[in-house]
N, C-alpha and C. Protein backbone atom coordinates (compact mmCIF):
# COMPACT_ATOMS: atom_id res chain seq x y z
N HIS A 1 6.74 -0.03 -10.84
CA HIS A 1 6.56 2.40 -10.60
C HIS A 1 4.64 1.83 -11.74
N ARG A 2 5.15 0.79 -12.68
CA ARG A 2 4.46 0.72 -13.86
C ARG A 2 2.90 0.18 -12.71
N HIS A 3 2.73 -1.59 -12.19
CA HIS A 3 2.08 -1.97 -12.18
C HIS A 3 1.37 -0.47 -10.74
N LEU A 4 2.08 -0.56 -9.52
CA LEU A 4 1.55 0.85 -9.09
C LEU A 4 0.86 1.60 -9.41
N LEU A 5 0.94 2.41 -10.70
CA LEU A 5 0.29 3.69 -11.25
C LEU A 5 -1.21 2.98 -12.04
N GLU A 6 -1.03 1.62 -12.50
CA GLU A 6 -2.32 0.69 -12.32
C GLU A 6 -3.25 1.10 -11.29
N CYS A 7 -3.03 0.01 -10.22
CA CYS A 7 -3.52 0.28 -9.41
C CYS A 7 -4.13 1.19 -8.96
N VAL A 8 -3.33 2.91 -8.59
CA VAL A 8 -3.74 3.94 -8.39
C VAL A 8 -4.90 4.31 -9.71
N TRP A 9 -5.10 4.40 -10.28
CA TRP A 9 -6.05 4.33 -11.19
C TRP A 9 -7.15 3.58 -11.47
N GLU A 10 -7.45 2.10 -10.42
CA GLU A 10 -7.96 2.05 -10.97
C GLU A 10 -9.51 1.66 -9.64
N ALA A 11 -8.24 2.07 -8.38
CA ALA A 11 -8.68 2.65 -7.28
C ALA A 11 -9.53 3.76 -7.46
N LEU A 12 -9.05 4.00 -8.08
CA LEU A 12 -9.94 6.18 -8.30
C LEU A 12 -11.04 5.99 -9.07
N GLU A 13 -11.03 5.02 -9.97
CA GLU A 13 -11.56 4.34 -10.93
C GLU A 13 -13.01 3.80 -9.83
N ASP A 14 -13.37 2.77 -9.13
CA ASP A 14 -13.74 2.10 -8.12
C ASP A 14 -14.22 2.75 -7.20
N ALA A 15 -13.57 4.28 -7.16
CA ALA A 15 -14.24 5.03 -5.56
C ALA A 15 -14.69 5.96 -6.57
N GLY A 16 -14.53 6.93 -8.06
CA GLY A 16 -15.82 7.00 -8.72
C GLY A 16 -14.62 8.55 -8.83
N HIS A 17 -14.15 8.38 -8.61
CA HIS A 17 -13.54 9.53 -8.14
C HIS A 17 -11.77 9.84 -9.20
N PRO A 18 -12.16 10.11 -10.46
CA PRO A 18 -10.60 10.38 -11.43
C PRO A 18 -10.40 11.82 -10.74
N PRO A 19 -9.06 11.88 -10.80
CA PRO A 19 -8.86 13.17 -9.81
C PRO A 19 -9.46 14.24 -10.53
N GLU A 20 -8.88 14.33 -12.12
CA GLU A 20 -8.95 15.33 -12.52
C GLU A 20 -11.04 16.19 -12.52
N LYS A 21 -11.71 15.00 -12.04
CA LYS A 21 -13.27 15.88 -11.75
C LYS A 21 -13.22 15.71 -10.15
N PHE A 22 -11.90 15.74 -9.20
CA PHE A 22 -12.14 15.74 -8.10
C PHE A 22 -11.36 17.48 -7.24
N ALA A 23 -12.58 17.86 -6.89
CA ALA A 23 -12.23 19.47 -6.66
C ALA A 23 -10.99 19.50 -5.50
N GLY A 24 -10.81 18.39 -4.45
CA GLY A 24 -10.00 18.57 -3.32
C GLY A 24 -8.56 18.34 -3.44
N ALA A 25 -7.53 18.34 -2.46
CA ALA A 25 -6.07 17.57 -2.59
C ALA A 25 -5.87 16.53 -2.46
N ILE A 26 -5.54 15.38 -2.98
CA ILE A 26 -4.99 14.36 -3.28
C ILE A 26 -3.84 13.85 -2.76
N GLY A 27 -3.75 12.97 -1.62
CA GLY A 27 -2.37 12.86 -1.52
C GLY A 27 -2.37 11.07 -1.68
N LEU A 28 -0.88 10.82 -1.17
CA LEU A 28 -0.17 9.55 -2.27
C LEU A 28 0.36 9.13 -1.46
N PHE A 29 0.28 7.74 -0.63
CA PHE A 29 1.13 7.22 0.55
C PHE A 29 1.66 5.94 0.10
N ALA A 30 2.90 5.93 -0.53
CA ALA A 30 2.92 4.29 -1.13
C ALA A 30 4.33 3.35 -1.17
N GLY A 31 4.75 2.50 -1.00
CA GLY A 31 5.70 2.44 -1.10
C GLY A 31 6.54 1.00 -1.43
N CYS A 32 7.57 0.33 -2.10
CA CYS A 32 7.71 -0.56 -3.01
C CYS A 32 8.79 -1.42 -2.17
N GLY A 33 8.54 -2.77 -2.58
CA GLY A 33 9.66 -3.91 -2.59
C GLY A 33 11.21 -3.26 -3.26
N MET A 34 12.04 -4.21 -2.95
CA MET A 34 13.40 -4.07 -3.82
C MET A 34 13.53 -3.69 -4.73
N GLY A 35 13.97 -3.17 -5.56
CA GLY A 35 13.77 -3.19 -7.33
C GLY A 35 14.49 -4.00 -7.64
N ALA A 36 13.91 -5.20 -8.12
CA ALA A 36 14.92 -6.14 -8.10
C ALA A 36 15.37 -6.34 -9.98
N TYR A 37 13.74 -5.13 -11.00
CA TYR A 37 13.69 -5.47 -11.96
C TYR A 37 15.30 -4.10 -12.57
N PHE A 38 15.05 -3.30 -11.76
CA PHE A 38 15.96 -1.88 -12.08
C PHE A 38 18.08 -2.70 -12.01
N MET A 39 17.91 -3.32 -11.24
CA MET A 39 18.83 -4.26 -10.63
C MET A 39 19.18 -5.18 -11.77
N ARG A 40 18.29 -6.00 -12.29
CA ARG A 40 19.12 -7.40 -13.33
C ARG A 40 19.01 -6.71 -14.72
N ASN A 41 17.92 -5.77 -15.23
CA ASN A 41 17.81 -5.41 -15.71
C ASN A 41 18.79 -3.80 -16.82
N ILE A 42 18.03 -3.52 -16.02
CA ILE A 42 18.96 -2.00 -16.27
C ILE A 42 20.48 -1.61 -15.61
N ALA A 43 20.39 -2.08 -14.54
CA ALA A 43 22.01 -1.54 -13.74
C ALA A 43 22.66 -2.12 -14.18
N SER A 44 22.57 -4.11 -14.88
CA SER A 44 23.41 -4.88 -14.69
C SER A 44 24.06 -4.77 -15.96
N ILE A 45 23.63 -3.60 -17.03
CA ILE A 45 24.05 -3.89 -18.73
C ILE A 45 24.93 -2.95 -18.80
N PRO A 46 26.74 -2.73 -18.12
CA PRO A 46 27.41 -2.18 -18.61
C PRO A 46 27.27 -0.96 -19.89
N GLU A 47 27.07 -1.10 -20.75
CA GLU A 47 26.80 -0.02 -22.29
C GLU A 47 26.10 0.74 -21.73
N LEU A 48 24.73 0.24 -21.25
CA LEU A 48 23.51 1.32 -21.30
C LEU A 48 23.26 2.13 -19.92
N VAL A 49 24.70 1.89 -18.86
CA VAL A 49 25.32 2.42 -17.63
C VAL A 49 26.17 3.80 -18.12
N ARG A 50 27.04 3.01 -18.67
CA ARG A 50 28.20 3.96 -20.10
C ARG A 50 27.47 5.46 -20.75
N SER A 51 25.94 4.88 -21.64
CA SER A 51 26.22 5.50 -22.32
C SER A 51 24.47 6.40 -21.66
N SER A 52 24.47 6.02 -20.59
CA SER A 52 22.88 7.23 -20.41
C SER A 52 22.70 7.75 -18.50
N GLY A 53 24.18 6.72 -18.21
CA GLY A 53 24.89 7.54 -16.61
C GLY A 53 24.04 6.44 -15.51
N LEU A 54 23.91 6.12 -14.56
CA LEU A 54 23.31 5.60 -13.80
C LEU A 54 22.28 6.20 -12.61
N PHE A 55 22.57 7.94 -12.61
CA PHE A 55 22.39 8.64 -12.05
C PHE A 55 20.25 8.69 -12.97
N LEU A 56 20.27 8.97 -14.10
CA LEU A 56 19.71 9.19 -15.54
C LEU A 56 18.62 7.85 -15.49
N LEU A 57 19.37 6.92 -15.77
CA LEU A 57 18.55 5.59 -15.11
C LEU A 57 17.59 5.75 -14.38
N ARG A 58 18.26 5.81 -13.28
CA ARG A 58 17.65 5.77 -11.46
C ARG A 58 16.27 6.78 -11.10
N HIS A 59 16.79 7.82 -11.71
CA HIS A 59 15.94 9.17 -11.91
C HIS A 59 14.76 9.03 -12.42
N THR A 60 14.67 8.14 -13.18
CA THR A 60 14.15 8.53 -14.87
C THR A 60 12.58 7.52 -14.35
N GLY A 61 12.55 7.33 -12.93
CA GLY A 61 11.27 6.25 -12.49
C GLY A 61 11.97 4.59 -11.98
N ASN A 62 12.56 4.53 -12.31
CA ASN A 62 13.37 3.04 -11.49
C ASN A 62 13.54 2.80 -10.03
N ASP A 63 14.14 3.96 -9.48
CA ASP A 63 14.05 3.51 -8.22
C ASP A 63 13.67 4.19 -7.63
N LYS A 64 12.65 3.29 -6.02
CA LYS A 64 11.93 3.27 -5.40
C LYS A 64 11.61 4.66 -4.97
N ASP A 65 12.63 5.65 -4.39
CA ASP A 65 12.60 6.80 -3.91
C ASP A 65 11.84 8.07 -4.77
N PHE A 66 11.81 7.87 -6.29
CA PHE A 66 10.58 8.66 -7.00
C PHE A 66 9.35 7.46 -7.32
N LEU A 67 8.81 6.52 -6.71
CA LEU A 67 7.14 6.11 -6.61
C LEU A 67 6.68 6.70 -7.09
N THR A 68 6.10 7.00 -5.48
CA THR A 68 4.61 8.43 -5.42
C THR A 68 4.72 9.45 -6.04
N THR A 69 6.26 10.63 -5.88
CA THR A 69 6.31 11.47 -6.61
C THR A 69 6.09 11.24 -8.59
N ARG A 70 5.67 10.28 -8.44
CA ARG A 70 6.30 9.94 -10.42
C ARG A 70 4.84 9.37 -10.70
N ILE A 71 3.78 9.24 -9.32
CA ILE A 71 2.51 9.07 -10.25
C ILE A 71 1.95 10.39 -9.72
N SER A 72 2.03 10.81 -8.99
CA SER A 72 1.49 12.00 -8.35
C SER A 72 2.14 13.21 -9.59
N TYR A 73 2.72 12.52 -10.32
CA TYR A 73 2.97 13.83 -11.28
C TYR A 73 1.81 13.79 -12.78
N LEU A 74 2.73 11.89 -13.11
CA LEU A 74 1.19 11.75 -14.46
C LEU A 74 -0.04 11.68 -14.01
N LEU A 75 -0.42 11.79 -12.74
CA LEU A 75 -1.40 11.68 -11.69
C LEU A 75 -2.77 12.81 -11.89
N ASN A 76 -1.06 14.28 -11.87
CA ASN A 76 -1.77 15.31 -11.64
C ASN A 76 -2.03 15.04 -9.79
N LEU A 77 -1.53 15.18 -9.31
CA LEU A 77 -2.21 14.79 -7.70
C LEU A 77 -1.73 15.60 -6.83
N ARG A 78 -2.55 16.78 -6.17
CA ARG A 78 -1.64 18.11 -5.44
C ARG A 78 -1.06 17.48 -3.82
N GLY A 79 -2.13 16.91 -3.53
CA GLY A 79 -1.60 16.48 -2.29
C GLY A 79 -0.34 16.04 -1.57
N PRO A 80 -0.05 15.61 -0.30
CA PRO A 80 1.09 14.87 0.36
C PRO A 80 1.89 13.82 -1.04
N SER A 81 2.98 14.02 -1.09
CA SER A 81 3.17 12.51 -2.10
C SER A 81 4.28 12.00 -1.27
N VAL A 82 4.30 10.55 -0.49
CA VAL A 82 5.00 10.12 0.97
C VAL A 82 5.34 8.72 0.46
N GLY A 83 6.45 8.33 -0.44
CA GLY A 83 7.79 7.09 0.35
C GLY A 83 7.09 6.50 1.03
N VAL A 84 6.89 5.25 1.78
CA VAL A 84 6.90 4.60 2.99
C VAL A 84 7.27 3.48 2.56
N GLN A 85 8.83 3.41 3.75
CA GLN A 85 9.59 2.03 3.82
C GLN A 85 9.90 1.16 5.10
N THR A 86 9.00 0.52 5.38
CA THR A 86 8.70 0.38 6.90
C THR A 86 9.05 -1.16 6.81
N ALA A 87 9.59 -2.15 5.27
CA ALA A 87 9.76 -3.39 5.47
C ALA A 87 8.61 -3.83 5.49
N CYS A 88 8.19 -5.42 5.61
CA CYS A 88 7.43 -6.19 5.92
C CYS A 88 5.50 -4.33 5.95
N SER A 89 6.10 -4.35 6.97
CA SER A 89 4.93 -3.34 7.43
C SER A 89 4.08 -2.00 6.34
N THR A 90 4.84 -1.65 5.57
CA THR A 90 4.88 -0.04 5.26
C THR A 90 3.77 -0.31 4.39
N SER A 91 3.23 -1.42 3.85
CA SER A 91 1.80 -0.90 2.97
C SER A 91 0.91 -0.31 4.62
N LEU A 92 1.09 -1.03 5.39
CA LEU A 92 -0.33 -0.84 6.78
C LEU A 92 0.48 0.32 7.17
N VAL A 93 1.75 0.83 6.94
CA VAL A 93 2.13 2.00 7.74
C VAL A 93 1.39 3.24 6.79
N ALA A 94 1.90 3.33 5.92
CA ALA A 94 1.35 4.04 4.46
C ALA A 94 -0.39 4.37 4.88
N VAL A 95 -1.16 3.50 5.30
CA VAL A 95 -2.61 3.54 5.62
C VAL A 95 -2.66 4.21 7.00
N HIS A 96 -2.12 4.08 7.59
CA HIS A 96 -1.95 5.17 8.58
C HIS A 96 -1.57 6.43 8.93
N LEU A 97 -0.79 6.66 8.18
CA LEU A 97 -0.06 8.05 7.63
C LEU A 97 -0.95 8.29 6.98
N ALA A 98 -1.86 7.79 5.35
CA ALA A 98 -2.89 8.61 5.15
C ALA A 98 -4.57 9.34 5.67
N CYS A 99 -4.30 8.12 7.11
CA CYS A 99 -4.92 8.76 7.37
C CYS A 99 -5.14 9.82 8.46
N GLN A 100 -4.31 9.90 9.11
CA GLN A 100 -2.89 10.85 9.82
C GLN A 100 -3.36 12.09 8.89
N SER A 101 -3.57 12.07 7.53
CA SER A 101 -3.23 13.06 6.95
C SER A 101 -4.80 13.76 6.58
N LEU A 102 -5.29 12.42 6.34
CA LEU A 102 -6.97 13.65 5.86
C LEU A 102 -7.26 14.25 7.12
N LEU A 103 -7.02 13.47 8.96
CA LEU A 103 -7.44 14.20 9.69
C LEU A 103 -7.18 15.48 9.91
N VAL A 104 -5.96 15.57 9.75
CA VAL A 104 -5.35 16.97 10.04
C VAL A 104 -5.62 17.82 8.45
N GLY A 105 -6.36 17.14 7.58
CA GLY A 105 -6.54 18.00 6.80
C GLY A 105 -5.78 18.47 5.69
N GLU A 106 -4.36 18.14 5.92
CA GLU A 106 -3.31 17.93 4.35
C GLU A 106 -4.12 17.69 2.92
N CYS A 107 -5.13 16.79 3.01
CA CYS A 107 -5.15 16.46 1.73
C CYS A 107 -7.09 15.78 2.35
N ASP A 108 -6.82 15.68 0.91
CA ASP A 108 -9.33 15.41 1.47
C ASP A 108 -9.52 14.57 0.71
N MET A 109 -8.50 13.37 0.11
CA MET A 109 -8.67 11.66 -0.47
C MET A 109 -7.25 11.94 -0.05
N ALA A 110 -6.77 10.62 0.05
CA ALA A 110 -5.41 9.78 0.49
C ALA A 110 -5.57 8.38 -0.39
N MET A 111 -4.66 7.71 -1.41
CA MET A 111 -4.00 6.66 -1.20
C MET A 111 -3.03 6.39 -0.87
N ALA A 112 -3.49 4.84 -0.37
CA ALA A 112 -2.74 4.02 0.21
C ALA A 112 -2.33 2.71 -0.16
N GLY A 113 -0.91 2.43 -0.22
CA GLY A 113 -0.53 1.23 -0.91
C GLY A 113 0.46 0.53 -0.99
N GLY A 114 0.87 -0.55 -1.64
CA GLY A 114 2.73 -0.43 -1.92
C GLY A 114 2.45 -2.01 -3.20
N VAL A 115 3.61 -1.68 -3.45
CA VAL A 115 3.96 -3.18 -4.98
C VAL A 115 5.64 -3.86 -4.48
N THR A 116 5.60 -4.90 -4.97
CA THR A 116 6.20 -5.77 -4.47
C THR A 116 6.67 -6.75 -5.54
N ILE A 117 7.73 -7.21 -6.86
CA ILE A 117 7.32 -7.97 -8.23
C ILE A 117 8.62 -8.97 -7.93
N ASP A 118 8.67 -9.65 -7.61
CA ASP A 118 10.42 -10.61 -7.02
C ASP A 118 10.50 -10.83 -8.95
N ILE A 119 11.80 -11.06 -9.30
CA ILE A 119 12.36 -11.00 -10.25
C ILE A 119 13.34 -11.95 -10.52
N PRO A 120 13.75 -13.32 -11.00
CA PRO A 120 13.25 -13.58 -11.85
C PRO A 120 11.96 -14.44 -11.03
N GLN A 121 10.54 -14.84 -11.35
CA GLN A 121 9.14 -15.99 -11.00
C GLN A 121 9.93 -16.93 -10.64
N ALA A 122 8.94 -17.30 -8.92
CA ALA A 122 9.42 -18.73 -8.71
C ALA A 122 10.15 -19.64 -8.82
N GLN A 123 11.30 -18.36 -8.01
CA GLN A 123 12.88 -18.98 -7.91
C GLN A 123 13.47 -19.50 -7.03
N GLY A 124 11.80 -19.68 -6.31
CA GLY A 124 12.73 -20.11 -4.58
C GLY A 124 13.38 -19.78 -4.01
N TYR A 125 13.36 -19.62 -2.48
CA TYR A 125 14.76 -19.70 -2.09
C TYR A 125 15.22 -20.60 -1.16
N VAL A 126 16.43 -20.02 -0.24
CA VAL A 126 17.82 -20.85 0.43
C VAL A 126 17.13 -20.97 1.93
N TYR A 127 16.70 -21.30 2.04
CA TYR A 127 16.56 -21.43 3.77
C TYR A 127 17.29 -21.35 4.86
N GLU A 128 17.79 -20.32 5.45
CA GLU A 128 18.63 -20.85 6.79
C GLU A 128 17.67 -20.13 8.80
N GLU A 129 18.34 -20.90 8.71
CA GLU A 129 17.74 -20.86 10.27
C GLU A 129 18.18 -19.59 11.11
N GLY A 130 17.11 -19.19 11.59
CA GLY A 130 17.02 -17.83 11.87
C GLY A 130 16.99 -16.41 11.43
N GLU A 131 16.82 -16.16 9.58
CA GLU A 131 16.12 -15.66 9.17
C GLU A 131 14.62 -15.54 9.17
N ILE A 132 13.94 -15.26 8.30
CA ILE A 132 11.82 -14.87 8.44
C ILE A 132 12.18 -15.73 7.33
N LEU A 133 12.50 -16.23 6.53
CA LEU A 133 11.86 -17.09 5.05
C LEU A 133 11.49 -18.43 6.53
N SER A 134 10.24 -19.23 5.16
CA SER A 134 9.69 -20.09 6.27
C SER A 134 10.28 -21.67 5.94
N ARG A 135 9.90 -22.45 7.26
CA ARG A 135 11.10 -23.71 6.99
C ARG A 135 10.36 -24.65 6.15
N ASP A 136 8.73 -24.63 5.83
CA ASP A 136 8.13 -26.03 4.81
C ASP A 136 7.27 -24.93 3.70
N VAL A 137 7.60 -23.55 3.53
CA VAL A 137 7.12 -23.31 1.98
C VAL A 137 5.67 -22.67 2.30
N HIS A 138 5.28 -22.49 4.08
CA HIS A 138 3.54 -22.45 3.90
C HIS A 138 3.92 -21.01 5.07
N CYS A 139 3.29 -20.41 4.52
CA CYS A 139 3.23 -18.79 5.48
C CYS A 139 1.83 -18.90 6.43
N ARG A 140 2.30 -19.20 7.52
CA ARG A 140 0.32 -19.30 8.78
C ARG A 140 0.84 -18.52 9.57
N ALA A 141 0.19 -16.87 9.39
CA ALA A 141 0.23 -16.13 10.31
C ALA A 141 -1.15 -17.15 11.41
N PHE A 142 -0.09 -15.85 12.39
CA PHE A 142 -1.51 -16.89 14.17
C PHE A 142 -1.17 -17.91 14.17
N ASP A 143 -0.78 -18.19 13.81
CA ASP A 143 -0.58 -19.77 13.82
C ASP A 143 0.92 -20.59 14.93
N HIS A 144 0.25 -21.33 15.21
CA HIS A 144 1.22 -22.00 16.19
C HIS A 144 2.75 -23.00 15.81
N ARG A 145 2.00 -23.26 14.66
CA ARG A 145 3.07 -23.82 13.42
C ARG A 145 3.87 -22.89 12.65
N SER A 146 3.74 -22.29 12.92
CA SER A 146 4.13 -21.20 12.08
C SER A 146 5.90 -21.02 12.41
N SER A 147 6.45 -20.64 10.92
CA SER A 147 8.04 -21.21 10.67
C SER A 147 8.59 -19.86 9.87
N GLY A 148 8.13 -18.91 9.44
CA GLY A 148 8.76 -18.16 8.62
C GLY A 148 7.29 -17.48 7.82
N SER A 149 8.18 -16.71 6.92
CA SER A 149 7.32 -16.27 5.77
C SER A 149 7.80 -16.13 4.41
N VAL A 150 6.61 -16.57 3.41
CA VAL A 150 6.81 -16.64 2.18
C VAL A 150 6.38 -15.47 0.92
N LEU A 151 7.93 -15.24 0.23
CA LEU A 151 7.38 -13.77 -0.23
C LEU A 151 7.05 -14.03 -1.15
N THR A 152 6.55 -12.77 -1.97
CA THR A 152 5.68 -13.05 -3.90
C THR A 152 5.89 -11.66 -4.46
N SER A 153 4.36 -11.58 -5.07
CA SER A 153 4.63 -10.58 -5.72
C SER A 153 2.89 -9.82 -5.54
N GLY A 154 3.17 -8.38 -5.59
CA GLY A 154 1.63 -8.16 -5.52
C GLY A 154 1.75 -6.49 -5.44
N ALA A 155 0.38 -5.98 -6.35
CA ALA A 155 0.53 -4.51 -5.49
C ALA A 155 -0.81 -4.47 -4.59
N GLY A 156 -1.14 -3.30 -4.48
CA GLY A 156 -2.73 -2.86 -3.74
C GLY A 156 -2.41 -1.53 -3.20
N VAL A 157 -3.72 -1.49 -3.69
CA VAL A 157 -4.12 0.15 -2.87
C VAL A 157 -5.22 0.30 -2.49
N VAL A 158 -5.70 1.13 -1.60
CA VAL A 158 -7.13 1.99 -1.17
C VAL A 158 -6.65 3.34 -1.56
N VAL A 159 -8.16 3.27 -1.37
CA VAL A 159 -8.43 5.24 -2.10
C VAL A 159 -10.05 4.83 0.05
N LEU A 160 -8.84 6.15 0.55
CA LEU A 160 -9.45 6.58 2.17
C LEU A 160 -10.08 8.54 1.74
N ARG A 161 -11.00 8.72 2.66
CA ARG A 161 -11.52 9.93 2.84
C ARG A 161 -12.46 9.78 4.73
N ARG A 162 -12.11 11.05 4.80
CA ARG A 162 -12.88 11.69 5.58
C ARG A 162 -14.68 10.93 5.81
N LEU A 163 -14.88 10.30 7.05
CA LEU A 163 -16.26 9.35 6.86
C LEU A 163 -17.30 10.58 6.06
N ALA A 164 -17.20 11.87 7.41
CA ALA A 164 -18.51 13.16 6.75
C ALA A 164 -18.61 12.89 5.44
N ASP A 165 -17.28 13.01 4.94
CA ASP A 165 -17.05 13.40 3.34
C ASP A 165 -17.27 12.91 2.20
N ALA A 166 -17.14 11.34 2.61
CA ALA A 166 -17.64 9.92 2.16
C ALA A 166 -19.42 10.10 2.16
N ARG A 167 -19.56 10.11 2.84
CA ARG A 167 -21.21 9.56 3.64
C ARG A 167 -21.86 11.09 2.57
N ALA A 168 -21.65 12.13 2.54
CA ALA A 168 -21.67 13.14 1.85
C ALA A 168 -21.54 13.40 0.46
N ASP A 169 -21.16 12.78 0.32
CA ASP A 169 -20.69 12.30 -1.50
C ASP A 169 -21.30 11.16 -2.14
N GLY A 170 -22.25 10.25 -1.08
CA GLY A 170 -22.53 9.12 -1.75
C GLY A 170 -21.35 8.01 -1.99
N ASP A 171 -20.42 7.93 -1.74
CA ASP A 171 -19.32 7.12 -2.37
C ASP A 171 -19.78 5.68 -1.81
N HIS A 172 -19.44 4.66 -2.41
CA HIS A 172 -19.67 3.36 -1.46
C HIS A 172 -18.31 3.33 -0.51
N ILE A 173 -18.83 2.94 0.57
CA ILE A 173 -18.26 2.25 1.71
C ILE A 173 -17.76 1.13 2.38
N TYR A 174 -16.71 0.72 1.75
CA TYR A 174 -16.13 -0.86 1.94
C TYR A 174 -16.05 -1.23 3.39
N ALA A 175 -15.64 -0.39 3.96
CA ALA A 175 -14.82 -0.15 5.35
C ALA A 175 -14.84 1.22 6.07
N VAL A 176 -14.85 0.44 6.83
CA VAL A 176 -14.50 2.24 8.26
C VAL A 176 -13.44 2.45 8.73
N ILE A 177 -12.76 2.74 8.83
CA ILE A 177 -11.11 2.54 9.93
C ILE A 177 -11.29 3.70 11.19
N ARG A 178 -11.38 2.86 12.38
CA ARG A 178 -11.83 4.10 13.53
C ARG A 178 -10.69 3.84 14.32
N GLY A 179 -9.74 3.51 13.86
CA GLY A 179 -8.43 3.91 14.80
C GLY A 179 -6.34 3.39 14.37
N SER A 180 -5.78 3.88 14.26
CA SER A 180 -5.14 2.68 14.05
C SER A 180 -4.08 3.20 14.80
N ALA A 181 -2.37 2.51 14.54
CA ALA A 181 -0.90 3.56 15.70
C ALA A 181 -0.09 2.71 15.21
N VAL A 182 0.90 3.14 14.81
CA VAL A 182 2.75 2.47 14.42
C VAL A 182 3.90 2.47 15.69
N ASN A 183 4.11 1.28 16.25
CA ASN A 183 5.27 1.47 17.35
C ASN A 183 6.28 1.07 16.32
N ASN A 184 7.45 0.74 17.44
CA ASN A 184 8.96 -0.05 17.48
C ASN A 184 8.79 -1.12 18.51
N ASP A 185 9.27 -2.01 18.41
CA ASP A 185 9.75 -3.13 19.29
C ASP A 185 11.21 -2.54 20.01
N GLY A 186 11.83 -2.28 19.75
CA GLY A 186 13.18 -2.25 20.06
C GLY A 186 14.58 -3.14 20.34
N ASP A 187 14.75 -3.42 20.86
CA ASP A 187 15.54 -4.37 20.75
C ASP A 187 14.50 -5.49 21.64
N GLN A 188 13.63 -5.41 22.78
CA GLN A 188 12.63 -5.62 23.19
C GLN A 188 12.85 -7.37 22.64
N LYS A 189 13.78 -8.34 22.01
CA LYS A 189 13.12 -9.46 21.19
C LYS A 189 14.27 -10.42 20.82
N VAL A 190 14.35 -11.48 20.62
CA VAL A 190 15.02 -12.50 20.50
C VAL A 190 16.14 -11.95 19.73
N GLY A 191 15.81 -11.65 18.85
CA GLY A 191 17.11 -10.88 17.61
C GLY A 191 16.10 -9.98 16.36
N TYR A 192 17.48 -9.14 15.65
CA TYR A 192 16.89 -7.88 15.21
C TYR A 192 15.49 -8.52 14.03
N LEU A 193 15.29 -9.86 13.93
CA LEU A 193 14.59 -10.06 11.94
C LEU A 193 13.75 -11.50 12.95
N ALA A 194 13.53 -10.77 14.63
CA ALA A 194 11.97 -11.74 15.37
C ALA A 194 10.90 -10.73 15.59
N PRO A 195 9.67 -11.33 15.91
CA PRO A 195 8.49 -10.22 16.51
C PRO A 195 8.87 -10.33 17.87
N SER A 196 8.15 -9.28 17.83
CA SER A 196 8.13 -9.33 20.12
C SER A 196 6.29 -9.57 19.86
N VAL A 197 6.21 -10.10 21.10
CA VAL A 197 4.87 -9.88 21.34
C VAL A 197 4.69 -9.21 22.17
N ASP A 198 5.32 -8.31 23.22
CA ASP A 198 5.10 -7.09 23.55
C ASP A 198 5.20 -5.48 22.97
N GLY A 199 5.76 -6.08 21.46
CA GLY A 199 6.38 -4.52 21.00
C GLY A 199 4.76 -4.77 19.92
N GLN A 200 3.86 -5.73 19.78
CA GLN A 200 3.06 -6.17 18.89
C GLN A 200 1.64 -5.27 20.25
N ALA A 201 1.42 -6.08 20.79
CA ALA A 201 0.81 -5.74 21.94
C ALA A 201 0.67 -4.29 22.33
N ARG A 202 1.33 -3.36 22.45
CA ARG A 202 1.74 -2.44 22.55
C ARG A 202 0.30 -1.89 21.31
N CYS A 203 0.78 -1.81 20.46
CA CYS A 203 -0.02 -1.30 18.81
C CYS A 203 -0.99 -1.67 19.12
N MET A 204 -1.82 -2.71 19.04
CA MET A 204 -1.99 -3.23 19.28
C MET A 204 -3.73 -2.61 19.85
N ALA A 205 -3.32 -2.32 21.63
CA ALA A 205 -4.12 -1.26 23.34
C ALA A 205 -3.79 -0.61 22.19
N GLU A 206 -2.89 0.28 21.30
CA GLU A 206 -2.89 2.39 21.00
C GLU A 206 -3.99 2.16 20.14
N ALA A 207 -4.17 1.08 18.92
CA ALA A 207 -4.99 1.20 18.31
C ALA A 207 -6.79 1.01 18.94
N LEU A 208 -6.59 0.41 19.83
CA LEU A 208 -7.93 -0.13 19.88
C LEU A 208 -8.03 1.38 21.42
N ALA A 209 -7.13 2.03 21.85
CA ALA A 209 -7.50 3.16 23.02
C ALA A 209 -8.17 4.20 21.43
N VAL A 210 -7.48 4.49 20.44
CA VAL A 210 -7.35 5.21 19.72
C VAL A 210 -8.97 5.56 18.90
N SER A 211 -9.37 4.44 18.63
CA SER A 211 -10.63 3.68 17.96
C SER A 211 -12.08 3.63 18.90
N GLY A 212 -11.35 3.80 20.82
CA GLY A 212 -12.27 3.56 21.29
C GLY A 212 -13.36 2.48 20.98
N VAL A 213 -13.01 1.11 20.10
CA VAL A 213 -13.88 -0.08 19.84
C VAL A 213 -13.34 -0.91 21.33
N ASP A 214 -14.13 -1.78 21.57
CA ASP A 214 -14.38 -2.20 23.15
C ASP A 214 -13.97 -3.66 22.80
N PRO A 215 -12.81 -3.77 23.13
CA PRO A 215 -12.00 -5.46 22.61
C PRO A 215 -12.53 -6.06 22.49
N PRO A 216 -13.56 -6.78 23.64
CA PRO A 216 -14.09 -8.25 23.22
C PRO A 216 -15.20 -8.36 22.03
N SER A 217 -15.06 -7.51 21.69
CA SER A 217 -16.18 -6.67 20.49
C SER A 217 -15.34 -7.17 19.12
N VAL A 218 -14.74 -7.50 18.92
CA VAL A 218 -13.21 -7.31 18.15
C VAL A 218 -13.38 -9.36 17.64
N ALA A 219 -14.22 -9.24 16.38
CA ALA A 219 -14.14 -10.83 15.89
C ALA A 219 -13.07 -11.49 14.81
N PHE A 220 -11.99 -10.52 14.72
CA PHE A 220 -11.31 -10.84 13.53
C PHE A 220 -10.00 -10.17 12.65
N MET A 221 -9.04 -10.57 13.43
CA MET A 221 -7.97 -10.70 13.45
C MET A 221 -6.70 -10.56 12.27
């Protein structure tokens, strides 16, 4: 929670919009990985659990369900505060939901992001055929040599506004999101942990249709 809170504050500073000076509603859409700190450093201490109770320890800010609402409380954010959990796609789905919230007028500025911290650090992993982890400890996205994912720790947040509002306020604009889409491949893949080419293609086609972008003009994926 603390790491994402720091990222949210730094993102607002970079955007030039501290929450106490922004007139509109600010939304937050974010998710986090497994709460390793809570499991290893809090719930694993019997004396602490007995004296304080597991519910109180979880409820006061250590569980992923309270990630966004706790930050919204600390920064007095009045827009939607939505916890997102879609595994590997969590942060990008958070961006999609934030864009939708802006478009329908639920908020005037939105933040989207995610955080995961793997504890203990640099512990390695056990490779298992058919699982998602890489055979050779390398992550090669969109590469024929790819054999899986490599997990790490990190946090990231983006600040989003409607383009007209950002231009009117003279914001520095890093990029414009022309369109986005989300879907699920159901059972159209060789296994639950495997990606679906058809599902990904449908999602990309929908995003292109929403954006109005000509597919041959896309230069980077």
